Amino acid sequence: MSRKIFIMAIFVLLSLLTGCFGGLANSFFTINVSGTEGVTFSGYYKVTKNTGETIIKEINGTVPFEVDVKGYFVFCKIKKEGGKGTLKLELLKFGNSISSDETTELDKFITVYSR
């Protein structure tokens, strides 16, 4: 009996390592740009899905700004282009903040990413 359990455990482990059970799961993320209303920014975000597909999108706009994405890994980099005040970048996973950065300086890049 213990030999069967051992063999099954090896099979499950190998299946997980080779992705037979779906591999790494995609999650829901929100990229949130906040701070002083009217501050302008530009940059991009990159989403890698569990299939290996990578999506890169340029973004620019005015605070406030928000975009929802689905993937395994998310990276976002923006810089403050204009306006007085603070530019804050935050990455949320299922609604919980997991990474944030902010600046008050013009042309300074800020980044967030999932781990």
Protein backbone atom coordinates (compact mmCIF):
# COMPACT_ATOMS: atom_id res chain seq x y z
CA MET A 1 0.00 0.00 0.00
CA SER A 2 2.76 2.50 0.85
CA ARG A 3 4.43 1.77 -2.48
CA LYS A 4 1.25 2.85 -4.33
CA ILE A 5 1.12 6.09 -2.33
CA PHE A 6 4.79 6.75 -3.10
CA ILE A 7 4.27 6.16 -6.84
CA MET A 8 1.17 8.39 -6.84
CA ALA A 9 3.08 11.13 -5.01
CA ILE A 10 5.88 10.96 -7.60
CA PHE A 11 3.31 11.13 -10.42
CA VAL A 12 1.59 14.18 -8.90
CA LEU A 13 4.93 15.93 -8.35
CA LEU A 14 6.08 15.27 -11.92
CA SER A 15 2.70 16.39 -13.28
CA LEU A 16 2.93 19.67 -11.39
CA LEU A 17 6.49 20.28 -12.54
CA THR A 18 5.62 19.65 -16.19
CA GLY A 19 2.42 21.69 -16.13
CA CYS A 20 -0.06 18.85 -16.66
CA PHE A 21 -2.36 20.34 -14.03
CA GLY A 22 -2.57 23.73 -15.72
CA GLY A 23 0.76 25.17 -14.65
CA LEU A 24 0.94 28.50 -12.88
CA ALA A 25 -2.39 30.23 -12.43
CA ASN A 26 -3.19 33.63 -13.86
CA SER A 27 -4.43 36.20 -11.33
CA PHE A 28 -6.46 39.38 -11.54
CA PHE A 29 -4.46 42.59 -11.09
CA THR A 30 -5.34 46.28 -11.09
CA ILE A 31 -2.81 48.95 -12.04
CA ASN A 32 -3.87 52.13 -10.25
CA VAL A 33 -2.39 55.57 -10.90
CA SER A 34 -3.40 58.16 -8.31
CA GLY A 35 -2.07 61.21 -6.53
CA THR A 36 -2.75 64.86 -7.21
CA GLU A 37 -5.63 65.22 -9.64
CA GLY A 38 -4.49 66.55 -13.01
CA VAL A 39 -0.88 65.26 -12.86
CA THR A 40 0.04 63.73 -16.23
CA PHE A 41 2.11 60.61 -16.83
CA SER A 42 3.37 58.23 -19.50
CA GLY A 43 4.85 54.74 -19.49
CA TYR A 44 3.92 51.14 -20.11
CA TYR A 45 2.86 47.90 -18.49
CA LYS A 46 3.82 44.33 -19.29
CA VAL A 47 1.70 41.28 -18.49
CA THR A 48 3.04 37.74 -18.81
CA LYS A 49 0.44 34.99 -18.88
CA ASN A 50 0.90 31.42 -17.68
CA THR A 51 1.05 30.35 -21.33
CA GLY A 52 4.22 32.40 -21.83
CA GLU A 53 2.41 35.04 -23.90
CA THR A 54 3.58 38.56 -23.05
CA ILE A 55 1.52 41.69 -23.64
CA ILE A 56 3.13 45.15 -23.55
CA LYS A 57 0.95 48.26 -23.69
CA GLU A 58 1.93 51.91 -23.63
CA ILE A 59 -0.15 54.08 -21.33
CA ASN A 60 -0.41 57.80 -20.80
CA GLY A 61 -2.97 59.95 -19.17
CA THR A 62 -3.99 62.06 -16.27
CA VAL A 63 -4.51 61.12 -12.62
CA PRO A 64 -6.70 59.24 -11.77
CA PHE A 65 -6.21 56.21 -14.07
CA GLU A 66 -6.89 52.49 -13.62
CA VAL A 67 -6.64 49.35 -15.75
CA ASP A 68 -7.47 45.71 -14.92
CA VAL A 69 -5.28 42.91 -16.30
CA LYS A 70 -5.06 39.15 -15.94
CA GLY A 71 -1.76 37.27 -15.92
CA TYR A 72 0.93 35.53 -13.94
CA PHE A 73 3.45 38.40 -13.76
CA VAL A 74 2.78 42.13 -14.08
CA PHE A 75 5.29 44.99 -14.39
CA CYS A 76 4.47 48.69 -14.81
CA LYS A 77 6.77 51.70 -15.23
CA ILE A 78 5.58 55.29 -15.58
CA LYS A 79 7.02 58.78 -15.23
CA LYS A 80 5.54 62.08 -14.19
CA GLU A 81 5.20 64.30 -17.27
CA GLY A 82 3.52 67.41 -15.87
CA GLY A 83 1.54 69.07 -13.15
CA LYS A 84 2.24 69.95 -9.55
CA GLY A 85 1.89 67.36 -6.83
CA THR A 86 2.29 63.64 -6.34
CA LEU A 87 2.13 60.73 -8.78
CA LYS A 88 1.46 57.37 -7.11
CA LEU A 89 1.52 53.96 -8.81
CA GLU A 90 0.01 50.92 -7.12
CA LEU A 91 -0.45 47.28 -8.13
CA LEU A 92 -3.32 45.37 -6.57
CA LYS A 93 -3.85 41.60 -6.72
CA PHE A 94 -7.45 40.56 -6.11
CA GLY A 95 -7.99 44.03 -4.61
CA ASN A 96 -5.03 43.91 -2.19
CA SER A 97 -2.05 46.23 -2.61
CA ILE A 98 1.13 44.24 -3.34
CA SER A 99 3.48 46.93 -4.69
CA SER A 100 3.55 50.74 -4.79
CA ASP A 101 5.82 53.65 -5.62
CA GLU A 102 5.42 57.42 -5.83
CA THR A 103 7.18 60.63 -6.80
CA THR A 104 6.76 64.39 -6.80
CA GLU A 105 9.61 64.98 -9.30
CA LEU A 106 9.08 65.59 -13.02
CA ASP A 107 10.55 62.97 -15.41
CA LYS A 108 11.22 60.49 -12.57
CA PHE A 109 10.25 56.88 -13.26
CA ILE A 110 8.34 54.83 -10.72
CA THR A 111 7.68 51.08 -10.97
CA VAL A 112 5.56 48.31 -9.53
CA TYR A 113 5.62 44.57 -10.17
CA SER A 114 4.19 41.30 -8.94
CA ARG A 115 6.45 38.80 -7.26
